[in-house]
Amino acid sequence: MSATATPVRGPVHEVRELQDARLHAGPRAAVHLTRRGRAVLLVLLVGLLYAAFAVGRSNSEAAVTAEAAPQLVQTTVQPGDTLWAVARRVAPGHDPRPMVEQLRRLNHLRTPGLQVGQQLLLPAAA
C-alpha cells in the first residue's frame, strides 16, 4: 500500500483563491441601475427641481410684498391720545381692534400705554 499525500484544502485556501481571483480580474463592468434605482433617482431629481422653484418663487413673492408695503406716516402722541383713539382716527367707521393690533406691531409696543411726545408710525391709507 502506498500512501499518496493529497493536499488538504480548507477555508483559508479558498479565501486566498478568491482574493487572488479578484486581484487578477479585468476591469469591472459598468454600473447598471435597476428599475427601482431609476425611480428613486427620478424622484430625487423632481424633488430638487421643486425645491429650486419654491425658493425662486418665495424670493419673487418677497419682492412683490416689499413693493406693496403700505406707506407710513409719522405722528406725535398728543395729551389724551390712546391707541384706541389713534386707531379710530386712522380708520374711521371701522372696528378699531385690528388697527390697534397693527399699530402695536408697527411700533413694537409691548404695552398699550402711550407717552405724550412719543413718535408713532401710522399707515397712510388704511
C-alpha atoms as a PDB file:
ATOM      1  CA  MET A   1       0.000   0.000   0.000  1.00  0.00           C
ATOM      2  CA  SER A   2       1.297   3.218  -0.958  1.00  0.00           C
ATOM      3  CA  ALA A   3       0.024   6.339   0.567  1.00  0.00           C
ATOM      4  CA  THR A   4      -0.068   9.421  -1.534  1.00  0.00           C
ATOM      5  CA  ALA A   5      -0.451  12.717   0.112  1.00  0.00           C
ATOM      6  CA  THR A   6      -3.276  14.808  -1.167  1.00  0.00           C
ATOM      7  CA  PRO A   7      -3.196  18.449  -0.302  1.00  0.00           C
ATOM      8  CA  VAL A   8      -5.737  19.439   2.272  1.00  0.00           C
ATOM      9  CA  ARG A   9      -7.858  22.350   1.177  1.00  0.00           C
ATOM     10  CA  GLY A  10      -9.602  24.320   3.853  1.00  0.00           C
ATOM     11  CA  PRO A  11     -11.419  27.632   4.169  1.00  0.00           C
ATOM     12  CA  VAL A  12      -8.134  29.563   4.300  1.00  0.00           C
ATOM     13  CA  HIS A  13      -7.095  28.283   0.893  1.00  0.00           C
ATOM     14  CA  GLU A  14     -10.487  29.108  -0.628  1.00  0.00           C
ATOM     15  CA  VAL A  15     -10.371  32.692   0.700  1.00  0.00           C
ATOM     16  CA  ARG A  16      -6.905  33.167  -0.769  1.00  0.00           C
ATOM     17  CA  GLU A  17      -8.042  31.832  -4.112  1.00  0.00           C
ATOM     18  CA  LEU A  18     -10.982  34.289  -4.141  1.00  0.00           C
ATOM     19  CA  GLN A  19      -8.673  37.178  -3.248  1.00  0.00           C
ATOM     20  CA  ASP A  20      -6.254  36.183  -5.999  1.00  0.00           C
ATOM     21  CA  ALA A  21      -9.114  35.939  -8.499  1.00  0.00           C
ATOM     22  CA  ARG A  22     -10.278  39.445  -7.582  1.00  0.00           C
ATOM     23  CA  LEU A  23      -6.776  40.879  -7.918  1.00  0.00           C
ATOM     24  CA  HIS A  24      -6.291  39.384 -11.356  1.00  0.00           C
ATOM     25  CA  ALA A  25      -9.782  40.147 -12.626  1.00  0.00           C
ATOM     26  CA  GLY A  26     -10.121  42.583 -15.511  1.00  0.00           C
ATOM     27  CA  PRO A  27     -11.893  45.927 -15.388  1.00  0.00           C
ATOM     28  CA  ARG A  28     -15.280  45.839 -13.767  1.00  0.00           C
ATOM     29  CA  ALA A  29     -18.432  46.172 -15.783  1.00  0.00           C
ATOM     30  CA  ALA A  30     -20.334  49.482 -15.784  1.00  0.00           C
ATOM     31  CA  VAL A  31     -22.917  50.043 -13.057  1.00  0.00           C
ATOM     32  CA  HIS A  32     -26.452  49.282 -14.189  1.00  0.00           C
ATOM     33  CA  LEU A  33     -29.441  50.856 -12.464  1.00  0.00           C
ATOM     34  CA  THR A  34     -32.443  48.726 -11.736  1.00  0.00           C
ATOM     35  CA  ARG A  35     -35.984  49.969 -12.319  1.00  0.00           C
ATOM     36  CA  ARG A  36     -36.221  50.804  -8.625  1.00  0.00           C
ATOM     37  CA  GLY A  37     -32.922  52.711  -8.745  1.00  0.00           C
ATOM     38  CA  ARG A  38     -34.079  54.723 -11.760  1.00  0.00           C
ATOM     39  CA  ALA A  39     -37.368  55.513  -9.998  1.00  0.00           C
ATOM     40  CA  VAL A  40     -35.547  56.702  -6.867  1.00  0.00           C
ATOM     41  CA  LEU A  41     -33.212  58.842  -8.966  1.00  0.00           C
ATOM     42  CA  LEU A  42     -36.168  60.361 -10.811  1.00  0.00           C
ATOM     43  CA  VAL A  43     -37.972  61.188  -7.557  1.00  0.00           C
ATOM     44  CA  LEU A  44     -34.825  62.856  -6.183  1.00  0.00           C
ATOM     45  CA  LEU A  45     -34.379  64.965  -9.321  1.00  0.00           C
ATOM     46  CA  VAL A  46     -38.039  66.039  -9.302  1.00  0.00           C
ATOM     47  CA  GLY A  47     -37.699  66.948  -5.618  1.00  0.00           C
ATOM     48  CA  LEU A  48     -34.629  69.063  -6.290  1.00  0.00           C
ATOM     49  CA  LEU A  49     -36.383  70.879  -9.140  1.00  0.00           C
ATOM     50  CA  TYR A  50     -39.426  71.501  -6.950  1.00  0.00           C
ATOM     51  CA  ALA A  51     -37.223  72.900  -4.169  1.00  0.00           C
ATOM     52  CA  ALA A  52     -35.418  75.193  -6.622  1.00  0.00           C
ATOM     53  CA  PHE A  53     -38.706  76.558  -7.979  1.00  0.00           C
ATOM     54  CA  ALA A  54     -40.103  77.009  -4.463  1.00  0.00           C
ATOM     55  CA  VAL A  55     -37.066  79.052  -3.392  1.00  0.00           C
ATOM     56  CA  GLY A  56     -37.278  81.168  -6.530  1.00  0.00           C
ATOM     57  CA  ARG A  57     -40.980  81.735  -6.053  1.00  0.00           C
ATOM     58  CA  SER A  58     -40.652  82.749  -2.400  1.00  0.00           C
ATOM     59  CA  ASN A  59     -37.944  85.262  -3.348  1.00  0.00           C
ATOM     60  CA  SER A  60     -40.149  86.793  -6.042  1.00  0.00           C
ATOM     61  CA  GLU A  61     -43.126  86.949  -3.648  1.00  0.00           C
ATOM     62  CA  ALA A  62     -40.951  88.721  -1.088  1.00  0.00           C
ATOM     63  CA  ALA A  63     -40.038  91.325  -3.703  1.00  0.00           C
ATOM     64  CA  VAL A  64     -43.712  91.883  -4.573  1.00  0.00           C
ATOM     65  CA  THR A  65     -44.628  92.150  -0.887  1.00  0.00           C
ATOM     66  CA  ALA A  66     -41.891  94.717  -0.299  1.00  0.00           C
ATOM     67  CA  GLU A  67     -43.193  96.809  -3.210  1.00  0.00           C
ATOM     68  CA  ALA A  68     -46.778  96.579  -1.950  1.00  0.00           C
ATOM     69  CA  ALA A  69     -45.883  97.594   1.611  1.00  0.00           C
ATOM     70  CA  PRO A  70     -48.172 100.353   2.857  1.00  0.00           C
ATOM     71  CA  GLN A  71     -46.822 103.872   3.040  1.00  0.00           C
ATOM     72  CA  LEU A  72     -46.274 105.015   6.588  1.00  0.00           C
ATOM     73  CA  VAL A  73     -46.590 108.430   8.148  1.00  0.00           C
ATOM     74  CA  GLN A  74     -45.217 109.528  11.465  1.00  0.00           C
ATOM     75  CA  THR A  75     -47.239 111.340  14.117  1.00  0.00           C
ATOM     76  CA  THR A  76     -46.589 112.636  17.593  1.00  0.00           C
ATOM     77  CA  VAL A  77     -48.735 111.470  20.512  1.00  0.00           C
ATOM     78  CA  GLN A  78     -50.790 114.339  21.975  1.00  0.00           C
ATOM     79  CA  PRO A  79     -52.154 114.584  25.531  1.00  0.00           C
ATOM     80  CA  GLY A  80     -55.101 112.213  25.953  1.00  0.00           C
ATOM     81  CA  ASP A  81     -54.201 110.044  22.949  1.00  0.00           C
ATOM     82  CA  THR A  82     -54.610 106.292  23.311  1.00  0.00           C
ATOM     83  CA  LEU A  83     -54.015 103.519  20.806  1.00  0.00           C
ATOM     84  CA  TRP A  84     -57.779 103.158  20.554  1.00  0.00           C
ATOM     85  CA  ALA A  85     -58.256 106.854  19.750  1.00  0.00           C
ATOM     86  CA  VAL A  86     -55.429 106.831  17.200  1.00  0.00           C
ATOM     87  CA  ALA A  87     -56.861 103.682  15.574  1.00  0.00           C
ATOM     88  CA  ARG A  88     -60.304 105.319  15.284  1.00  0.00           C
ATOM     89  CA  ARG A  89     -58.705 108.424  13.757  1.00  0.00           C
ATOM     90  CA  VAL A  90     -56.730 106.353  11.212  1.00  0.00           C
ATOM     91  CA  ALA A  91     -59.646 104.066  10.222  1.00  0.00           C
ATOM     92  CA  PRO A  92     -62.899 105.906  10.960  1.00  0.00           C
ATOM     93  CA  GLY A  93     -66.043 103.821  10.667  1.00  0.00           C
ATOM     94  CA  HIS A  94     -64.173 100.512  11.121  1.00  0.00           C
ATOM     95  CA  ASP A  95     -63.651  98.267  14.118  1.00  0.00           C
ATOM     96  CA  PRO A  96     -60.567  99.766  15.825  1.00  0.00           C
ATOM     97  CA  ARG A  97     -59.318  96.465  17.308  1.00  0.00           C
ATOM     98  CA  PRO A  98     -57.437  95.245  14.201  1.00  0.00           C
ATOM     99  CA  MET A  99     -55.912  98.709  13.762  1.00  0.00           C
ATOM    100  CA  VAL A 100     -54.815  98.796  17.413  1.00  0.00           C
ATOM    101  CA  GLU A 101     -53.019  95.480  16.893  1.00  0.00           C
ATOM    102  CA  GLN A 102     -51.438  96.733  13.662  1.00  0.00           C
ATOM    103  CA  LEU A 103     -50.244  99.904  15.428  1.00  0.00           C
ATOM    104  CA  ARG A 104     -48.722  97.812  18.220  1.00  0.00           C
ATOM    105  CA  ARG A 105     -46.844  95.650  15.681  1.00  0.00           C
ATOM    106  CA  LEU A 106     -45.719  98.601  13.545  1.00  0.00           C
ATOM    107  CA  ASN A 107     -44.343 100.480  16.541  1.00  0.00           C
ATOM    108  CA  HIS A 108     -43.078  97.456  18.504  1.00  0.00           C
ATOM    109  CA  LEU A 109     -45.203  98.381  21.525  1.00  0.00           C
ATOM    110  CA  ARG A 110     -45.268  95.907  24.393  1.00  0.00           C
ATOM    111  CA  THR A 111     -47.945  97.754  26.339  1.00  0.00           C
ATOM    112  CA  PRO A 112     -50.950  99.747  25.130  1.00  0.00           C
ATOM    113  CA  GLY A 113     -49.860 102.872  27.030  1.00  0.00           C
ATOM    114  CA  LEU A 114     -48.562 105.891  25.112  1.00  0.00           C
ATOM    115  CA  GLN A 115     -46.374 108.791  26.263  1.00  0.00           C
ATOM    116  CA  VAL A 116     -47.025 112.399  25.252  1.00  0.00           C
ATOM    117  CA  GLY A 117     -44.487 113.354  22.581  1.00  0.00           C
ATOM    118  CA  GLN A 118     -43.884 109.739  21.563  1.00  0.00           C
ATOM    119  CA  GLN A 119     -43.469 109.199  17.805  1.00  0.00           C
ATOM    120  CA  LEU A 120     -45.804 106.654  16.196  1.00  0.00           C
ATOM    121  CA  LEU A 121     -45.798 105.176  12.720  1.00  0.00           C
ATOM    122  CA  LEU A 122     -49.257 105.026  11.116  1.00  0.00           C
ATOM    123  CA  PRO A 123     -50.406 103.510   7.846  1.00  0.00           C
ATOM    124  CA  ALA A 124     -51.022 106.371   5.380  1.00  0.00           C
ATOM    125  CA  ALA A 125     -54.097 104.751   3.846  1.00  0.00           C
ATOM    126  CA  ALA A 126     -55.948 102.238   5.963  1.00  0.00           C
END
